Protein backbone atom coordinates (compact mmCIF):
# COMPACT_ATOMS: atom_id res chain seq x y z
CA MET A 1 -46.94 227.63 -90.19
CA ARG A 2 -44.08 227.98 -92.39
CA LYS A 3 -41.89 228.64 -89.08
CA LEU A 4 -42.99 225.71 -88.17
CA LEU A 5 -42.26 223.67 -91.02
CA ILE A 6 -38.70 225.35 -91.33
CA ILE A 7 -37.79 223.94 -87.68
CA LEU A 8 -39.30 220.81 -88.43
CA PHE A 9 -36.83 220.53 -91.60
CA GLY A 10 -34.21 221.56 -89.56
CA ILE A 11 -34.86 218.89 -87.07
CA VAL A 12 -34.87 216.10 -89.70
CA SER A 13 -31.41 216.95 -91.73
CA THR A 14 -29.13 217.55 -88.63
CA VAL A 15 -30.53 214.08 -87.47
CA SER A 16 -30.18 212.45 -90.59
CA VAL A 17 -26.45 214.32 -91.12
CA ALA A 18 -25.84 212.60 -87.25
CA ILE A 19 -26.50 209.21 -88.36
CA LEU A 20 -24.85 209.05 -91.20
CA LEU A 21 -21.81 210.10 -89.70
CA ILE A 22 -22.27 207.56 -86.96
CA LEU A 23 -22.68 205.09 -89.80
CA LEU A 24 -19.45 206.42 -91.23
CA TYR A 25 -17.71 206.21 -88.02
CA ARG A 26 -18.58 202.92 -87.85
CA TYR A 27 -17.72 201.79 -90.73
CA ALA A 28 -14.34 203.30 -91.11
CA THR A 29 -13.23 201.56 -87.78
CA LYS A 30 -14.43 198.49 -88.24
CA ASP A 31 -12.18 195.65 -88.47
CA GLY A 32 -12.74 194.05 -92.39
CA GLY A 33 -14.93 191.51 -91.34
CA ALA A 34 -14.06 189.53 -94.29
CA SER A 35 -10.66 190.55 -94.91
CA TYR A 36 -8.00 188.64 -96.37
CA HIS A 37 -5.58 188.94 -93.61
CA SER A 38 -8.14 187.10 -91.51
CA LEU A 39 -9.37 184.35 -93.77
CA PRO A 40 -8.78 180.65 -92.19
CA ALA A 41 -6.32 178.89 -94.02
CA GLU A 42 -8.99 176.14 -94.93
CA SER A 43 -10.80 178.62 -97.46
CA VAL A 44 -7.67 179.04 -99.39
CA VAL A 45 -8.37 176.88 -102.89
CA PRO A 46 -4.99 175.96 -104.00
CA LEU A 47 -4.03 176.18 -108.32
CA LYS A 48 -3.13 172.50 -108.72
CA LYS A 49 -3.88 169.50 -107.22
CA ARG A 50 -0.79 168.28 -104.02
CA GLY A 51 -0.46 165.77 -102.62
CA LYS A 52 -1.24 165.44 -98.87
CA ASP A 53 2.70 165.78 -97.57
CA GLU A 54 3.39 168.44 -99.60
CA ALA A 55 0.23 170.48 -98.64
CA LYS A 56 0.80 169.56 -94.60
CA ALA A 57 4.37 170.87 -95.16
CA SER A 58 3.57 174.27 -97.10
CA ARG A 59 0.44 174.71 -94.38
CA PRO A 60 2.73 176.36 -91.88
CA TRP A 61 3.81 179.68 -93.90
CA LEU A 62 -0.13 179.60 -95.15
CA GLU A 63 -0.99 179.68 -91.41
CA LYS A 64 1.21 182.54 -90.53
CA LEU A 65 -0.36 184.54 -93.14
CA ALA A 66 -3.86 184.13 -92.67
CA ILE A 67 -3.40 185.12 -88.59
CA LYS A 68 -1.25 187.81 -89.81
CA ARG A 69 -3.13 191.57 -88.76
CA ARG A 70 -2.94 194.13 -91.43
CA PRO A 71 -1.40 197.13 -89.60
CA THR A 72 -3.37 200.03 -87.96
CA TYR A 73 -0.99 202.51 -90.15
CA SER A 74 -1.09 202.84 -94.31
CA TYR A 75 1.31 205.25 -96.16
CA ALA A 76 -0.04 208.12 -98.59
CA VAL A 77 2.43 206.90 -101.11
CA SER A 78 4.96 203.95 -101.62
CA GLU A 79 8.29 203.85 -99.61
CA MET A 80 11.44 204.18 -101.30
CA GLU A 81 14.54 203.80 -100.34
CA ILE A 82 17.50 205.89 -102.63
CA VAL A 83 21.35 205.47 -101.97
CA LEU A 84 23.79 207.88 -103.85
CA PRO A 85 27.25 206.69 -103.73
CA LEU A 86 28.99 210.32 -103.14
CA LYS A 87 32.43 209.16 -101.97
CA LYS A 88 34.68 210.37 -105.45
CA LYS A 89 34.79 214.09 -105.55
CA PRO A 90 34.39 215.88 -108.84
CA PRO A 91 37.10 216.48 -110.85
CA HIS A 92 38.09 220.38 -110.20
CA GLU A 93 37.29 222.39 -113.46
CA ASN A 94 39.37 225.41 -114.22
CA ILE A 95 37.14 228.57 -115.10
CA HIS A 96 38.95 231.04 -116.90
CA ARG A 97 36.97 234.83 -117.39
CA LEU A 98 37.77 237.10 -119.89
CA ILE A 99 36.44 240.51 -120.22
CA LEU A 100 35.34 241.52 -123.33
CA LYS A 101 35.27 245.81 -123.81
CA ASP A 102 33.25 247.38 -126.50
CA LEU A 103 30.77 245.05 -127.12
CA ASP A 104 27.81 245.23 -129.98
CA ASP A 105 25.36 243.04 -130.89
CA TYR A 106 27.39 241.87 -133.73
CA LYS A 107 30.24 240.75 -132.20
CA ILE A 108 28.53 239.41 -129.14
CA PHE A 109 26.46 237.22 -132.14
CA CYS A 110 30.43 236.62 -133.28
CA ILE A 111 32.14 235.12 -130.44
CA LYS A 112 29.31 232.78 -129.28
CA GLN A 113 29.08 230.97 -132.78
CA LEU A 114 32.61 230.73 -132.61
CA LEU A 115 32.53 228.90 -128.78
CA GLU A 116 29.20 227.08 -130.19
CA ARG A 117 31.43 225.94 -133.01
CA MET A 118 34.54 225.01 -131.36
CA HIS A 119 32.17 223.01 -128.38
CA ILE A 120 33.51 224.58 -125.47
CA ARG A 121 31.37 225.16 -122.71
CA TYR A 122 30.79 228.99 -121.51
CA ALA A 123 28.64 231.09 -119.65
CA PHE A 124 28.45 235.03 -120.59
CA TYR A 125 27.16 238.41 -118.95
CA ARG A 126 27.03 241.80 -120.29
CA LYS A 127 26.90 244.97 -118.87
CA LYS A 128 25.98 247.57 -121.11
CA ARG A 129 29.27 247.67 -123.43
CA GLU A 130 31.36 245.18 -121.62
CA GLY A 131 30.81 241.55 -120.94
CA VAL A 132 32.38 239.05 -119.45
CA LEU A 133 32.89 235.52 -120.40
CA ALA A 134 33.52 232.54 -118.56
CA ILE A 135 35.00 229.21 -120.34
CA ARG A 136 35.09 226.11 -118.18
CA ASP A 137 37.59 223.23 -118.74
CA SER A 138 39.55 224.15 -121.55
CA ASP A 139 43.50 224.42 -121.57
CA LYS A 140 45.42 227.14 -122.51
CA LYS A 141 46.12 226.92 -126.26
CA THR A 142 42.34 226.93 -126.75
CA ILE A 143 42.20 229.96 -125.02
CA GLN A 144 44.77 231.57 -126.98
CA LYS A 145 42.76 230.84 -130.00
CA ILE A 146 39.93 232.64 -128.59
CA VAL A 147 41.76 235.65 -127.20
CA SER A 148 43.17 235.60 -131.33
CA VAL A 149 40.38 235.34 -132.75
CA ALA A 150 38.37 238.05 -130.22
CA LYS A 151 41.19 240.66 -131.36
CA ALA A 152 40.52 239.74 -134.62
CA TYR A 153 37.33 241.31 -134.10
CA ASP A 154 38.20 244.34 -132.17
CA LEU A 155 37.73 243.50 -129.03
CA GLN A 156 39.57 244.88 -125.74
CA ILE A 157 40.38 241.87 -123.73
CA LEU A 158 41.25 240.86 -119.96
CA LEU A 159 42.04 237.90 -119.04
CA HIS A 160 41.54 236.48 -115.68
């Protein structure tokens, strides 16, 4: 008896799932029935009453809109076109490399504070007791000032 009930339940559930899938497929492929693309022009109600001549003059675009079919495809996202005008080359930046030797934490802190106070763009890389300081877009006077201040902290500097 149990085997018969299990078999009967399996058959009923399989048939119901198959019917559901068929109905869903038919609904998905159906042409939309009463969508706004297939409405006749006469069913559109104007927002305000117009004269007969004005209504007849505006009718051709309305009829075209009513006849127009919706596309068979759709995008998952909005379509956007972006144009970037990249005709100008970016200006060339001068990068000066300073190699700092015999560094400790206090000296690194002082150099970084000096560069931030002077509003200088820089990059710093440290390897053991030696550091490389890359300074961008600075003139020679600024570089010489940095070198003189760094020497005041007893730093050995190589300019590249």
